[in-house]
Amino acid sequence: MATNNDVHSEILELLLAKVESDRFPSVTQMDMIEKILRDEDVEDYAEILMDKVRNDTYPSLDLLRRLLNFA
């Protein structure tokens, strides 16, 4: 039987992979990630968002605002 930690990790990993691979990540998925983020997960998530901002000529204001929330 899976523990709550296992389920949390699997859900978070799935959502992070989706946000990372999508050119225009789902706002709903990012909201879900931010709802379940633990302190130890913030760095990985922020790095995914920073990569998207770095690689886009006109980055999404939503992505920038989300990053600023972690600053």
N, C-alpha and C. Protein backbone atom coordinates (compact mmCIF):
# COMPACT_ATOMS: atom_id res chain seq x y z
N MET A 1 0.84 -1.19 0.00
CA MET A 1 0.00 0.00 0.00
C MET A 1 0.89 1.25 0.00
N ALA A 2 0.54 2.20 -0.83
CA ALA A 2 1.32 3.43 -0.95
C ALA A 2 1.08 4.34 0.25
N THR A 3 2.14 4.96 0.70
CA THR A 3 2.00 5.91 1.80
C THR A 3 1.60 7.28 1.24
N ASN A 4 1.19 8.16 2.13
CA ASN A 4 0.84 9.52 1.71
C ASN A 4 2.03 10.21 1.06
N ASN A 5 3.24 9.97 1.59
CA ASN A 5 4.45 10.56 1.00
C ASN A 5 4.67 10.08 -0.41
N ASP A 6 4.45 8.77 -0.65
CA ASP A 6 4.62 8.21 -1.99
C ASP A 6 3.64 8.83 -2.97
N VAL A 7 2.39 8.94 -2.55
CA VAL A 7 1.36 9.51 -3.41
C VAL A 7 1.67 10.98 -3.68
N HIS A 8 2.04 11.71 -2.65
CA HIS A 8 2.40 13.12 -2.81
C HIS A 8 3.53 13.26 -3.82
N SER A 9 4.58 12.46 -3.65
CA SER A 9 5.75 12.54 -4.54
C SER A 9 5.38 12.20 -5.98
N GLU A 10 4.56 11.20 -6.16
CA GLU A 10 4.16 10.80 -7.52
C GLU A 10 3.31 11.87 -8.19
N ILE A 11 2.37 12.43 -7.44
CA ILE A 11 1.52 13.48 -8.01
C ILE A 11 2.36 14.70 -8.36
N LEU A 12 3.22 15.10 -7.45
CA LEU A 12 4.07 16.26 -7.69
C LEU A 12 4.98 16.03 -8.89
N GLU A 13 5.60 14.86 -8.96
CA GLU A 13 6.48 14.54 -10.09
C GLU A 13 5.73 14.58 -11.41
N LEU A 14 4.53 14.05 -11.43
CA LEU A 14 3.70 14.05 -12.63
C LEU A 14 3.38 15.48 -13.07
N LEU A 15 2.95 16.30 -12.12
CA LEU A 15 2.59 17.68 -12.45
C LEU A 15 3.81 18.50 -12.87
N LEU A 16 4.93 18.32 -12.18
CA LEU A 16 6.15 19.04 -12.56
C LEU A 16 6.58 18.68 -13.98
N ALA A 17 6.49 17.42 -14.32
CA ALA A 17 6.87 16.98 -15.67
C ALA A 17 5.95 17.61 -16.72
N LYS A 18 4.66 17.70 -16.43
CA LYS A 18 3.73 18.33 -17.37
C LYS A 18 4.06 19.81 -17.55
N VAL A 19 4.27 20.52 -16.46
CA VAL A 19 4.57 21.95 -16.55
C VAL A 19 5.89 22.16 -17.29
N GLU A 20 6.86 21.32 -17.01
CA GLU A 20 8.17 21.44 -17.66
C GLU A 20 8.08 21.21 -19.17
N SER A 21 7.26 20.25 -19.59
CA SER A 21 7.22 19.88 -21.00
C SER A 21 6.26 20.74 -21.83
N ASP A 22 5.30 21.37 -21.20
CA ASP A 22 4.33 22.18 -21.94
C ASP A 22 4.88 23.57 -22.23
N ARG A 23 4.73 23.99 -23.47
CA ARG A 23 5.20 25.34 -23.82
C ARG A 23 4.44 26.39 -23.03
N PHE A 24 3.13 26.19 -22.91
CA PHE A 24 2.28 27.09 -22.14
C PHE A 24 1.64 26.26 -21.03
N PRO A 25 2.30 26.20 -19.89
CA PRO A 25 1.81 25.34 -18.82
C PRO A 25 0.42 25.75 -18.33
N SER A 26 -0.30 24.76 -17.90
CA SER A 26 -1.65 24.96 -17.39
C SER A 26 -1.62 25.72 -16.06
N VAL A 27 -2.40 26.78 -16.00
CA VAL A 27 -2.53 27.55 -14.77
C VAL A 27 -3.09 26.65 -13.66
N THR A 28 -4.04 25.82 -14.01
CA THR A 28 -4.64 24.91 -13.04
C THR A 28 -3.59 23.95 -12.48
N GLN A 29 -2.74 23.40 -13.35
CA GLN A 29 -1.70 22.48 -12.88
C GLN A 29 -0.69 23.21 -11.99
N MET A 30 -0.32 24.43 -12.36
CA MET A 30 0.62 25.18 -11.53
C MET A 30 -0.01 25.51 -10.17
N ASP A 31 -1.31 25.83 -10.17
CA ASP A 31 -2.00 26.08 -8.90
C ASP A 31 -2.00 24.83 -8.03
N MET A 32 -2.21 23.67 -8.66
CA MET A 32 -2.19 22.41 -7.91
C MET A 32 -0.81 22.15 -7.31
N ILE A 33 0.23 22.38 -8.12
CA ILE A 33 1.61 22.20 -7.62
C ILE A 33 1.83 23.09 -6.40
N GLU A 34 1.47 24.35 -6.53
CA GLU A 34 1.73 25.30 -5.45
C GLU A 34 0.93 24.98 -4.20
N LYS A 35 -0.18 24.32 -4.37
CA LYS A 35 -1.00 23.92 -3.22
C LYS A 35 -0.33 22.80 -2.42
N ILE A 36 0.42 21.91 -3.11
CA ILE A 36 1.01 20.76 -2.42
C ILE A 36 2.53 20.88 -2.23
N LEU A 37 3.12 21.98 -2.67
CA LEU A 37 4.57 22.15 -2.54
C LEU A 37 5.01 22.09 -1.09
N ARG A 38 6.08 21.37 -0.87
CA ARG A 38 6.74 21.36 0.44
C ARG A 38 8.01 22.19 0.28
N ASP A 39 8.56 22.63 1.39
CA ASP A 39 9.76 23.48 1.34
C ASP A 39 10.85 22.86 0.48
N GLU A 40 11.03 21.57 0.59
CA GLU A 40 12.10 20.90 -0.16
C GLU A 40 11.81 20.79 -1.66
N ASP A 41 10.56 21.09 -2.08
CA ASP A 41 10.19 21.00 -3.49
C ASP A 41 10.28 22.34 -4.21
N VAL A 42 10.37 23.42 -3.46
CA VAL A 42 10.29 24.76 -4.05
C VAL A 42 11.42 25.00 -5.06
N GLU A 43 12.63 24.59 -4.73
CA GLU A 43 13.76 24.85 -5.62
C GLU A 43 13.56 24.21 -7.00
N ASP A 44 13.10 22.96 -7.04
CA ASP A 44 12.88 22.28 -8.32
C ASP A 44 11.81 22.98 -9.14
N TYR A 45 10.72 23.35 -8.48
CA TYR A 45 9.62 24.01 -9.18
C TYR A 45 10.07 25.39 -9.68
N ALA A 46 10.73 26.15 -8.85
CA ALA A 46 11.20 27.48 -9.25
C ALA A 46 12.17 27.37 -10.42
N GLU A 47 13.02 26.37 -10.42
CA GLU A 47 13.97 26.19 -11.53
C GLU A 47 13.24 25.91 -12.85
N ILE A 48 12.18 25.14 -12.80
CA ILE A 48 11.38 24.87 -14.00
C ILE A 48 10.79 26.18 -14.52
N LEU A 49 10.24 26.98 -13.62
CA LEU A 49 9.66 28.26 -14.04
C LEU A 49 10.73 29.21 -14.57
N MET A 50 11.89 29.26 -13.90
CA MET A 50 12.97 30.14 -14.36
C MET A 50 13.46 29.73 -15.75
N ASP A 51 13.56 28.44 -16.02
CA ASP A 51 13.95 27.99 -17.36
C ASP A 51 12.96 28.46 -18.40
N LYS A 52 11.68 28.42 -18.09
CA LYS A 52 10.67 28.88 -19.04
C LYS A 52 10.83 30.38 -19.29
N VAL A 53 11.07 31.15 -18.24
CA VAL A 53 11.24 32.59 -18.39
C VAL A 53 12.51 32.89 -19.19
N ARG A 54 13.60 32.20 -18.88
CA ARG A 54 14.88 32.41 -19.59
C ARG A 54 14.75 32.13 -21.09
N ASN A 55 13.97 31.14 -21.44
CA ASN A 55 13.90 30.68 -22.83
C ASN A 55 12.78 31.32 -23.64
N ASP A 56 12.12 32.30 -23.08
CA ASP A 56 11.01 32.94 -23.78
C ASP A 56 11.32 34.43 -23.95
N THR A 57 11.22 34.92 -25.16
CA THR A 57 11.49 36.33 -25.43
C THR A 57 10.54 37.23 -24.64
N TYR A 58 9.28 36.83 -24.58
CA TYR A 58 8.26 37.58 -23.86
C TYR A 58 7.62 36.65 -22.82
N PRO A 59 8.28 36.49 -21.68
CA PRO A 59 7.77 35.53 -20.70
C PRO A 59 6.40 35.94 -20.15
N SER A 60 5.67 34.94 -19.78
CA SER A 60 4.35 35.11 -19.21
C SER A 60 4.43 35.91 -17.90
N LEU A 61 3.55 36.88 -17.77
CA LEU A 61 3.48 37.64 -16.52
C LEU A 61 3.09 36.73 -15.36
N ASP A 62 2.26 35.74 -15.64
CA ASP A 62 1.86 34.80 -14.60
C ASP A 62 3.08 34.04 -14.08
N LEU A 63 3.95 33.57 -14.98
CA LEU A 63 5.15 32.86 -14.53
C LEU A 63 6.05 33.79 -13.72
N LEU A 64 6.21 35.02 -14.16
CA LEU A 64 7.03 35.98 -13.43
C LEU A 64 6.46 36.24 -12.04
N ARG A 65 5.14 36.38 -11.96
CA ARG A 65 4.51 36.62 -10.64
C ARG A 65 4.69 35.42 -9.72
N ARG A 66 4.56 34.23 -10.28
CA ARG A 66 4.74 33.03 -9.47
C ARG A 66 6.16 32.97 -8.93
N LEU A 67 7.14 33.30 -9.77
CA LEU A 67 8.52 33.32 -9.31
C LEU A 67 8.74 34.35 -8.22
N LEU A 68 8.16 35.52 -8.39
CA LEU A 68 8.30 36.58 -7.39
C LEU A 68 7.74 36.15 -6.04
N ASN A 69 6.73 35.30 -6.05
CA ASN A 69 6.18 34.80 -4.79
C ASN A 69 7.20 33.97 -4.00
N PHE A 70 8.19 33.42 -4.69
CA PHE A 70 9.22 32.62 -4.01
C PHE A 70 10.45 33.44 -3.65
N ALA A 71 10.51 34.69 -4.14
CA ALA A 71 11.70 35.52 -3.90
C ALA A 71 11.72 36.06 -2.48
